[in-house]
Amino acid sequence: MDEDFARYVQQRMPALLRFGYALTGDPHEAEDLVQDALERAGVRWKVLTRTGEGPDAYVRRIMANRRISRWRRRRRETLVAEVPDRGQVGRDPLEGEPLWQALRQLPLRQRTVIVLRYYEDCSEAEIAAVLGVSAGTVKSQAAKARAHLRELLALDPIGGAR
């Protein structure tokens, strides 16, 4: 394994896992997304380090695209023959947070834009590159997402409760 790639993985793993968790809401799916993205990045590592884009944008784009693809395949619903005997082992620490619950209700593209913008602190241009859309689309998706979050959280535009 390339030492630069190993160093990148070691340094960026916590941030990538947080990003994956914010996209999926499931720590196991987040780990799968990160692993898949890093496998693909590892294969192209030498090319990625030569380009000006950098590996972070490439890895995030893979994660966002893979999440969208998985969501489309599942159609938001997983049917099982039997109910599992046990629930989730660990409780999600953000489960009771109203903002987190509202964020989960956003359409996937809007949630991705909000997570990249406010959680990962990416610029509109970086988000556009990750999602493969224009900066205008990023702006409109962010505006729609913020309006939807305000509605879900019953906040007025200034940020206070109604």
Protein backbone atom coordinates (compact mmCIF):
# COMPACT_ATOMS: atom_id res chain seq x y z
CA MET A 1 0.00 0.00 0.00
CA ASP A 2 1.23 3.48 -0.80
CA GLU A 3 2.43 5.27 2.36
CA ASP A 4 0.74 8.54 1.32
CA PHE A 5 -2.57 6.71 0.92
CA ALA A 6 -2.19 4.99 4.29
CA ARG A 7 -1.46 8.35 5.93
CA TYR A 8 -4.48 9.92 4.18
CA VAL A 9 -6.75 7.10 5.40
CA GLN A 10 -5.47 7.40 8.96
CA GLN A 11 -5.92 11.20 9.04
CA ARG A 12 -9.28 11.43 7.24
CA MET A 13 -11.08 8.31 8.52
CA PRO A 14 -12.96 10.05 11.40
CA ALA A 15 -14.19 12.85 9.12
CA LEU A 16 -15.19 10.41 6.38
CA LEU A 17 -17.09 8.25 8.87
CA ARG A 18 -18.93 11.34 10.18
CA PHE A 19 -19.81 12.31 6.63
CA GLY A 20 -21.02 8.79 5.85
CA TYR A 21 -23.07 8.73 9.04
CA ALA A 22 -24.62 12.09 8.23
CA LEU A 23 -25.59 10.78 4.78
CA THR A 24 -27.01 7.45 5.92
CA GLY A 25 -28.00 7.78 9.57
CA ASP A 26 -26.57 4.29 10.11
CA PRO A 27 -23.02 3.66 11.39
CA HIS A 28 -22.73 0.34 9.54
CA GLU A 29 -23.82 1.80 6.21
CA ALA A 30 -21.43 4.71 6.83
CA GLU A 31 -18.54 2.28 7.27
CA ASP A 32 -19.52 0.48 4.06
CA LEU A 33 -19.65 3.76 2.14
CA VAL A 34 -16.23 4.82 3.45
CA GLN A 35 -14.68 1.45 2.69
CA ASP A 36 -16.10 1.42 -0.84
CA ALA A 37 -14.91 4.97 -1.50
CA LEU A 38 -11.43 4.31 -0.13
CA GLU A 39 -11.10 1.15 -2.21
CA ARG A 40 -11.86 3.13 -5.33
CA ALA A 41 -9.59 5.98 -4.28
CA GLY A 42 -6.75 3.58 -3.49
CA VAL A 43 -6.82 2.20 -7.01
CA ARG A 44 -6.56 5.72 -8.45
CA TRP A 45 -4.34 7.21 -5.74
CA LYS A 46 -1.42 8.23 -7.96
CA VAL A 47 -3.75 9.94 -10.42
CA LEU A 48 -5.68 11.68 -7.61
CA THR A 49 -2.56 13.14 -6.04
CA ARG A 50 -1.41 14.54 -9.39
CA THR A 51 -4.64 16.42 -10.12
CA GLY A 52 -5.55 19.72 -8.49
CA GLU A 53 -8.93 18.41 -7.28
CA GLY A 54 -7.45 16.41 -4.42
CA PRO A 55 -8.60 13.13 -2.91
CA ASP A 56 -11.20 14.56 -0.48
CA ALA A 57 -13.53 15.76 -3.22
CA TYR A 58 -13.17 12.48 -5.09
CA VAL A 59 -13.88 10.36 -2.00
CA ARG A 60 -16.89 12.49 -0.99
CA ARG A 61 -18.28 12.33 -4.52
CA ILE A 62 -18.01 8.54 -4.49
CA MET A 63 -19.73 8.38 -1.10
CA ALA A 64 -22.58 10.67 -2.17
CA ASN A 65 -23.09 8.86 -5.47
CA ARG A 66 -22.96 5.40 -3.89
CA ARG A 67 -25.46 6.49 -1.23
CA ILE A 68 -27.84 7.74 -3.91
CA SER A 69 -27.44 4.50 -5.88
CA ARG A 70 -28.14 2.35 -2.82
CA TRP A 71 -31.16 4.46 -1.93
CA ARG A 72 -32.57 4.05 -5.43
CA ARG A 73 -32.11 0.28 -5.32
CA ARG A 74 -33.81 -0.05 -1.95
CA ARG A 75 -36.64 2.36 -2.70
CA ARG A 76 -36.45 3.60 0.92
CA GLU A 77 -37.85 0.35 2.25
CA THR A 78 -36.31 -2.95 3.25
CA LEU A 79 -38.75 -5.81 3.63
CA VAL A 80 -37.86 -8.72 5.88
CA ALA A 81 -39.55 -12.06 6.41
CA GLU A 82 -39.16 -11.94 10.18
CA VAL A 83 -38.67 -9.24 12.77
CA PRO A 84 -35.16 -9.48 14.28
CA ASP A 85 -34.89 -10.79 17.85
CA ARG A 86 -32.72 -7.88 18.93
CA GLY A 87 -32.71 -4.24 18.03
CA GLN A 88 -29.73 -2.07 17.34
CA VAL A 89 -26.93 -2.80 19.81
CA GLY A 90 -25.88 0.79 20.44
CA ARG A 91 -28.27 3.71 20.71
CA ASP A 92 -27.74 6.56 18.29
CA PRO A 93 -26.64 9.53 20.43
CA LEU A 94 -28.34 11.97 18.03
CA GLU A 95 -31.62 10.06 17.83
CA GLY A 96 -33.53 12.44 20.10
CA GLU A 97 -32.20 15.62 18.53
CA PRO A 98 -34.96 17.49 16.64
CA LEU A 99 -32.52 18.83 14.04
CA TRP A 100 -31.19 15.33 13.30
CA GLN A 101 -34.73 13.96 12.97
CA ALA A 102 -35.65 16.81 10.62
CA LEU A 103 -32.46 16.30 8.60
CA ARG A 104 -33.41 12.65 8.06
CA GLN A 105 -36.71 13.76 6.51
CA LEU A 106 -35.04 15.82 3.80
CA PRO A 107 -34.75 14.37 0.30
CA LEU A 108 -31.36 12.75 -0.18
CA ARG A 109 -29.86 15.41 -2.46
CA GLN A 110 -30.93 18.25 -0.12
CA ARG A 111 -29.57 16.37 2.90
CA THR A 112 -26.27 15.81 1.09
CA VAL A 113 -25.98 19.52 0.25
CA ILE A 114 -26.72 20.55 3.85
CA VAL A 115 -24.27 18.02 5.29
CA LEU A 116 -21.51 19.06 2.91
CA ARG A 117 -22.13 22.77 3.41
CA TYR A 118 -22.69 23.07 7.13
CA TYR A 119 -21.23 19.87 8.55
CA GLU A 120 -18.18 19.41 6.30
CA ASP A 121 -17.78 23.17 5.64
CA CYS A 122 -17.46 22.76 1.86
CA SER A 123 -17.88 25.67 -0.52
CA GLU A 124 -20.66 25.73 -3.12
CA ALA A 125 -18.10 24.97 -5.82
CA GLU A 126 -16.79 21.95 -3.89
CA ILE A 127 -20.32 20.65 -3.34
CA ALA A 128 -21.12 21.13 -7.02
CA ALA A 129 -18.01 19.12 -7.92
CA VAL A 130 -18.90 16.33 -5.48
CA LEU A 131 -22.47 16.03 -6.75
CA GLY A 132 -21.69 16.73 -10.39
CA VAL A 133 -24.14 19.63 -10.60
CA SER A 134 -23.88 23.39 -11.09
CA ALA A 135 -23.29 25.84 -8.26
CA GLY A 136 -26.77 27.24 -8.94
CA THR A 137 -28.28 23.82 -8.28
CA VAL A 138 -26.37 23.65 -5.01
CA LYS A 139 -27.74 27.07 -4.00
CA SER A 140 -31.32 26.16 -4.86
CA GLN A 141 -31.11 22.77 -3.11
CA ALA A 142 -29.65 24.43 0.00
CA ALA A 143 -32.40 27.07 0.01
CA LYS A 144 -35.11 24.43 -0.37
CA ALA A 145 -33.52 22.32 2.36
CA ARG A 146 -33.28 25.24 4.79
CA ALA A 147 -36.92 26.16 4.14
CA HIS A 148 -37.97 22.56 4.65
CA LEU A 149 -35.95 22.34 7.89
CA ARG A 150 -37.54 25.58 9.15
CA GLU A 151 -40.96 24.11 8.42
CA LEU A 152 -40.14 20.80 10.10
CA LEU A 153 -38.68 22.53 13.15
CA ALA A 154 -41.38 25.23 13.18
CA LEU A 155 -38.85 28.06 13.09
CA ASP A 156 -39.32 31.50 11.68
CA PRO A 157 -36.67 32.78 9.22
CA ILE A 158 -34.80 34.60 11.99
CA GLY A 159 -34.32 31.34 13.86
CA GLY A 160 -36.75 31.58 16.76
CA ALA A 161 -39.52 29.18 17.60
CA ARG A 162 -43.01 30.08 16.46
